[in-house]
Amino acid sequence: QTPGMVRAATPTAHGVLIELDIRQSELDAAWAAVESLLECFSAQHGSQSADHRGGREVTIPVCYDERVGPDLGWVSAQLGVDREQVIAWHSGRTYRVMTMGFMPGFGYLGSVEEALRLPRRETPRTRVPSGSVAIAEEMTAV
């Protein structure tokens, strides 16, 4: 629950975005609302690290068939390993949702195996089929 002027508090990979409606009051009151949120968060989570805050584990089935994963060959060539190694690296660990993406339910998961990290595409795709798996830098997304 958030104080009246706080529209939303959205966790990200390395911080939190707090959206305020400061038309409701003065800036001092806005700062007080933020401090209240921080106190509430601290009371709920204490000094626990992010790795120990609970949550639930969800298994996401992934199909690595080249008919639905056309970049698998390109990724394996870039990394100098076979497709099976790429699949083993990607599927061989448990990921944590680090932040939510631009659409509801679109989670950025981290962190991928160091050897699997590739830079973002120079030109982003304008269309990405539903259910696609993406890997860029230390994140993977579904």
C-alpha atoms as a PDB file:
ATOM      1  CA  GLN A   1       0.000   0.000   0.000  1.00  0.00           C
ATOM      2  CA  THR A   2       1.347   3.425  -0.930  1.00  0.00           C
ATOM      3  CA  PRO A   3       0.724   6.916   0.439  1.00  0.00           C
ATOM      4  CA  GLY A   4      -1.881   8.990  -1.473  1.00  0.00           C
ATOM      5  CA  MET A   5       0.431  10.816  -3.856  1.00  0.00           C
ATOM      6  CA  VAL A   6       2.415   7.724  -4.820  1.00  0.00           C
ATOM      7  CA  ARG A   7       0.963   6.346  -8.051  1.00  0.00           C
ATOM      8  CA  ALA A   8       3.212   3.297  -8.265  1.00  0.00           C
ATOM      9  CA  ALA A   9       6.439   1.783  -7.010  1.00  0.00           C
ATOM     10  CA  THR A  10       8.090  -0.423  -9.641  1.00  0.00           C
ATOM     11  CA  PRO A  11      11.157  -2.525  -8.819  1.00  0.00           C
ATOM     12  CA  THR A  12      13.902  -2.658 -11.436  1.00  0.00           C
ATOM     13  CA  ALA A  13      17.095  -4.663 -11.741  1.00  0.00           C
ATOM     14  CA  HIS A  14      19.120  -2.228  -9.656  1.00  0.00           C
ATOM     15  CA  GLY A  15      16.655   0.166  -8.043  1.00  0.00           C
ATOM     16  CA  VAL A  16      13.054   1.219  -7.760  1.00  0.00           C
ATOM     17  CA  LEU A  17      10.985   3.685  -9.786  1.00  0.00           C
ATOM     18  CA  ILE A  18       8.582   5.685  -7.642  1.00  0.00           C
ATOM     19  CA  GLU A  19       5.898   7.565  -9.579  1.00  0.00           C
ATOM     20  CA  LEU A  20       4.470  10.539  -7.696  1.00  0.00           C
ATOM     21  CA  ASP A  21       1.503  12.788  -8.363  1.00  0.00           C
ATOM     22  CA  ILE A  22       3.053  15.926  -6.910  1.00  0.00           C
ATOM     23  CA  ARG A  23       0.154  18.087  -8.040  1.00  0.00           C
ATOM     24  CA  GLN A  24      -1.541  16.963  -4.838  1.00  0.00           C
ATOM     25  CA  SER A  25       0.878  18.708  -2.522  1.00  0.00           C
ATOM     26  CA  GLU A  26       4.190  20.449  -2.076  1.00  0.00           C
ATOM     27  CA  LEU A  27       7.602  18.943  -2.731  1.00  0.00           C
ATOM     28  CA  ASP A  28       8.286  18.493   1.002  1.00  0.00           C
ATOM     29  CA  ALA A  29       5.266  16.225   1.265  1.00  0.00           C
ATOM     30  CA  ALA A  30       6.494  14.262  -1.762  1.00  0.00           C
ATOM     31  CA  TRP A  31       9.838  13.639  -0.061  1.00  0.00           C
ATOM     32  CA  ALA A  32       7.988  12.559   3.082  1.00  0.00           C
ATOM     33  CA  ALA A  33       5.998  10.046   1.015  1.00  0.00           C
ATOM     34  CA  VAL A  34       9.186   8.614  -0.484  1.00  0.00           C
ATOM     35  CA  GLU A  35      10.769   8.341   2.964  1.00  0.00           C
ATOM     36  CA  SER A  36       7.637   6.568   4.196  1.00  0.00           C
ATOM     37  CA  LEU A  37       7.899   4.055   1.353  1.00  0.00           C
ATOM     38  CA  LEU A  38      11.562   3.424   2.116  1.00  0.00           C
ATOM     39  CA  GLU A  39      10.809   2.894   5.806  1.00  0.00           C
ATOM     40  CA  CYS A  40       7.999   0.483   4.911  1.00  0.00           C
ATOM     41  CA  PHE A  41      10.276  -1.442   2.542  1.00  0.00           C
ATOM     42  CA  SER A  42      13.042  -1.590   5.125  1.00  0.00           C
ATOM     43  CA  ALA A  43      10.629  -2.838   7.788  1.00  0.00           C
ATOM     44  CA  GLN A  44       9.353  -5.590   5.479  1.00  0.00           C
ATOM     45  CA  HIS A  45      12.685  -6.699   4.035  1.00  0.00           C
ATOM     46  CA  GLY A  46      15.307  -5.589   6.529  1.00  0.00           C
ATOM     47  CA  SER A  47      18.851  -6.139   5.388  1.00  0.00           C
ATOM     48  CA  GLN A  48      18.125  -9.354   3.490  1.00  0.00           C
ATOM     49  CA  SER A  49      19.853  -9.623   0.172  1.00  0.00           C
ATOM     50  CA  ALA A  50      17.749  -9.893  -2.975  1.00  0.00           C
ATOM     51  CA  ASP A  51      18.673 -13.584  -3.207  1.00  0.00           C
ATOM     52  CA  HIS A  52      16.825 -14.382   0.025  1.00  0.00           C
ATOM     53  CA  ARG A  53      13.534 -12.551  -0.379  1.00  0.00           C
ATOM     54  CA  GLY A  54      11.412 -15.469  -1.432  1.00  0.00           C
ATOM     55  CA  GLY A  55       9.130 -15.438  -4.401  1.00  0.00           C
ATOM     56  CA  ARG A  56       8.003 -18.484  -6.279  1.00  0.00           C
ATOM     57  CA  GLU A  57       9.745 -20.613  -8.827  1.00  0.00           C
ATOM     58  CA  VAL A  58       8.130 -20.954 -12.246  1.00  0.00           C
ATOM     59  CA  THR A  59       9.286 -23.398 -14.900  1.00  0.00           C
ATOM     60  CA  ILE A  60       9.091 -21.943 -18.404  1.00  0.00           C
ATOM     61  CA  PRO A  61       9.229 -24.492 -21.210  1.00  0.00           C
ATOM     62  CA  VAL A  62      11.531 -23.372 -24.038  1.00  0.00           C
ATOM     63  CA  CYS A  63      11.687 -24.845 -27.536  1.00  0.00           C
ATOM     64  CA  TYR A  64      15.124 -24.488 -29.126  1.00  0.00           C
ATOM     65  CA  ASP A  65      14.085 -25.958 -32.504  1.00  0.00           C
ATOM     66  CA  GLU A  66      15.505 -23.812 -35.318  1.00  0.00           C
ATOM     67  CA  ARG A  67      12.061 -23.508 -36.923  1.00  0.00           C
ATOM     68  CA  VAL A  68      10.991 -21.339 -33.974  1.00  0.00           C
ATOM     69  CA  GLY A  69      14.452 -20.179 -32.850  1.00  0.00           C
ATOM     70  CA  PRO A  70      16.074 -18.881 -36.015  1.00  0.00           C
ATOM     71  CA  ASP A  71      18.963 -17.133 -34.224  1.00  0.00           C
ATOM     72  CA  LEU A  72      20.324 -20.231 -32.501  1.00  0.00           C
ATOM     73  CA  GLY A  73      22.775 -20.958 -35.329  1.00  0.00           C
ATOM     74  CA  TRP A  74      23.938 -17.337 -35.411  1.00  0.00           C
ATOM     75  CA  VAL A  75      24.458 -17.290 -31.630  1.00  0.00           C
ATOM     76  CA  SER A  76      26.458 -20.522 -31.678  1.00  0.00           C
ATOM     77  CA  ALA A  77      28.634 -19.188 -34.534  1.00  0.00           C
ATOM     78  CA  GLN A  78      29.262 -15.908 -32.677  1.00  0.00           C
ATOM     79  CA  LEU A  79      30.309 -17.792 -29.563  1.00  0.00           C
ATOM     80  CA  GLY A  80      32.309 -20.450 -31.421  1.00  0.00           C
ATOM     81  CA  VAL A  81      30.437 -23.347 -29.829  1.00  0.00           C
ATOM     82  CA  ASP A  82      27.845 -25.822 -31.063  1.00  0.00           C
ATOM     83  CA  ARG A  83      24.091 -25.325 -30.652  1.00  0.00           C
ATOM     84  CA  GLU A  84      23.910 -27.924 -27.896  1.00  0.00           C
ATOM     85  CA  GLN A  85      26.363 -25.902 -25.786  1.00  0.00           C
ATOM     86  CA  VAL A  86      24.286 -22.725 -26.226  1.00  0.00           C
ATOM     87  CA  ILE A  87      21.182 -24.629 -25.151  1.00  0.00           C
ATOM     88  CA  ALA A  88      23.009 -26.154 -22.166  1.00  0.00           C
ATOM     89  CA  TRP A  89      24.259 -22.740 -21.015  1.00  0.00           C
ATOM     90  CA  HIS A  90      20.851 -21.104 -21.411  1.00  0.00           C
ATOM     91  CA  SER A  91      18.766 -23.881 -19.878  1.00  0.00           C
ATOM     92  CA  GLY A  92      21.252 -24.948 -17.228  1.00  0.00           C
ATOM     93  CA  ARG A  93      20.534 -22.379 -14.574  1.00  0.00           C
ATOM     94  CA  THR A  94      17.740 -20.868 -12.542  1.00  0.00           C
ATOM     95  CA  TYR A  95      16.980 -17.257 -13.414  1.00  0.00           C
ATOM     96  CA  ARG A  96      15.449 -14.514 -11.303  1.00  0.00           C
ATOM     97  CA  VAL A  97      13.120 -11.846 -12.693  1.00  0.00           C
ATOM     98  CA  MET A  98      15.292  -8.736 -12.453  1.00  0.00           C
ATOM     99  CA  THR A  99      12.761  -6.254 -13.829  1.00  0.00           C
ATOM    100  CA  MET A 100       9.556  -6.174 -15.834  1.00  0.00           C
ATOM    101  CA  GLY A 101       9.599  -5.067 -19.452  1.00  0.00           C
ATOM    102  CA  PHE A 102       7.482  -2.887 -21.642  1.00  0.00           C
ATOM    103  CA  MET A 103       4.492  -5.248 -21.745  1.00  0.00           C
ATOM    104  CA  PRO A 104       2.610  -6.957 -18.903  1.00  0.00           C
ATOM    105  CA  GLY A 105       4.238 -10.266 -18.083  1.00  0.00           C
ATOM    106  CA  PHE A 106       7.409  -9.542 -20.080  1.00  0.00           C
ATOM    107  CA  GLY A 107      10.166 -10.292 -17.604  1.00  0.00           C
ATOM    108  CA  TYR A 108      13.866  -9.632 -17.948  1.00  0.00           C
ATOM    109  CA  LEU A 109      15.661 -12.523 -16.275  1.00  0.00           C
ATOM    110  CA  GLY A 110      19.221 -12.679 -15.094  1.00  0.00           C
ATOM    111  CA  SER A 111      21.896 -13.425 -15.126  1.00  0.00           C
ATOM    112  CA  VAL A 112      22.893 -15.553 -18.100  1.00  0.00           C
ATOM    113  CA  GLU A 113      26.063 -17.630 -18.164  1.00  0.00           C
ATOM    114  CA  GLU A 114      29.074 -15.338 -18.695  1.00  0.00           C
ATOM    115  CA  ALA A 115      30.120 -17.214 -21.852  1.00  0.00           C
ATOM    116  CA  LEU A 116      26.636 -16.701 -23.352  1.00  0.00           C
ATOM    117  CA  ARG A 117      26.559 -12.912 -23.055  1.00  0.00           C
ATOM    118  CA  LEU A 118      26.203 -11.116 -26.364  1.00  0.00           C
ATOM    119  CA  PRO A 119      25.692  -7.414 -27.074  1.00  0.00           C
ATOM    120  CA  ARG A 120      22.264  -6.084 -28.007  1.00  0.00           C
ATOM    121  CA  ARG A 121      21.440  -6.053 -31.700  1.00  0.00           C
ATOM    122  CA  GLU A 122      22.585  -2.913 -33.513  1.00  0.00           C
ATOM    123  CA  THR A 123      19.142  -2.663 -35.119  1.00  0.00           C
ATOM    124  CA  PRO A 124      16.300  -3.965 -32.953  1.00  0.00           C
ATOM    125  CA  ARG A 125      13.667  -6.098 -34.625  1.00  0.00           C
ATOM    126  CA  THR A 126      10.394  -4.323 -35.310  1.00  0.00           C
ATOM    127  CA  ARG A 127       8.418  -7.540 -34.699  1.00  0.00           C
ATOM    128  CA  VAL A 128       9.192 -10.327 -32.282  1.00  0.00           C
ATOM    129  CA  PRO A 129       6.931 -13.388 -32.332  1.00  0.00           C
ATOM    130  CA  SER A 130       5.059 -14.160 -29.127  1.00  0.00           C
ATOM    131  CA  GLY A 131       6.900 -16.696 -27.000  1.00  0.00           C
ATOM    132  CA  SER A 132      10.330 -15.736 -28.295  1.00  0.00           C
ATOM    133  CA  VAL A 133      13.407 -15.997 -26.110  1.00  0.00           C
ATOM    134  CA  ALA A 134      15.929 -13.164 -26.231  1.00  0.00           C
ATOM    135  CA  ILE A 135      19.462 -12.935 -24.881  1.00  0.00           C
ATOM    136  CA  ALA A 136      21.347  -9.658 -24.642  1.00  0.00           C
ATOM    137  CA  GLU A 137      24.240  -8.826 -22.357  1.00  0.00           C
ATOM    138  CA  GLU A 138      23.542 -10.395 -18.938  1.00  0.00           C
ATOM    139  CA  MET A 139      19.761 -10.698 -19.419  1.00  0.00           C
ATOM    140  CA  THR A 140      17.417 -13.130 -21.082  1.00  0.00           C
ATOM    141  CA  ALA A 141      13.755 -12.409 -21.703  1.00  0.00           C
ATOM    142  CA  VAL A 142      10.679 -14.419 -22.569  1.00  0.00           C
END
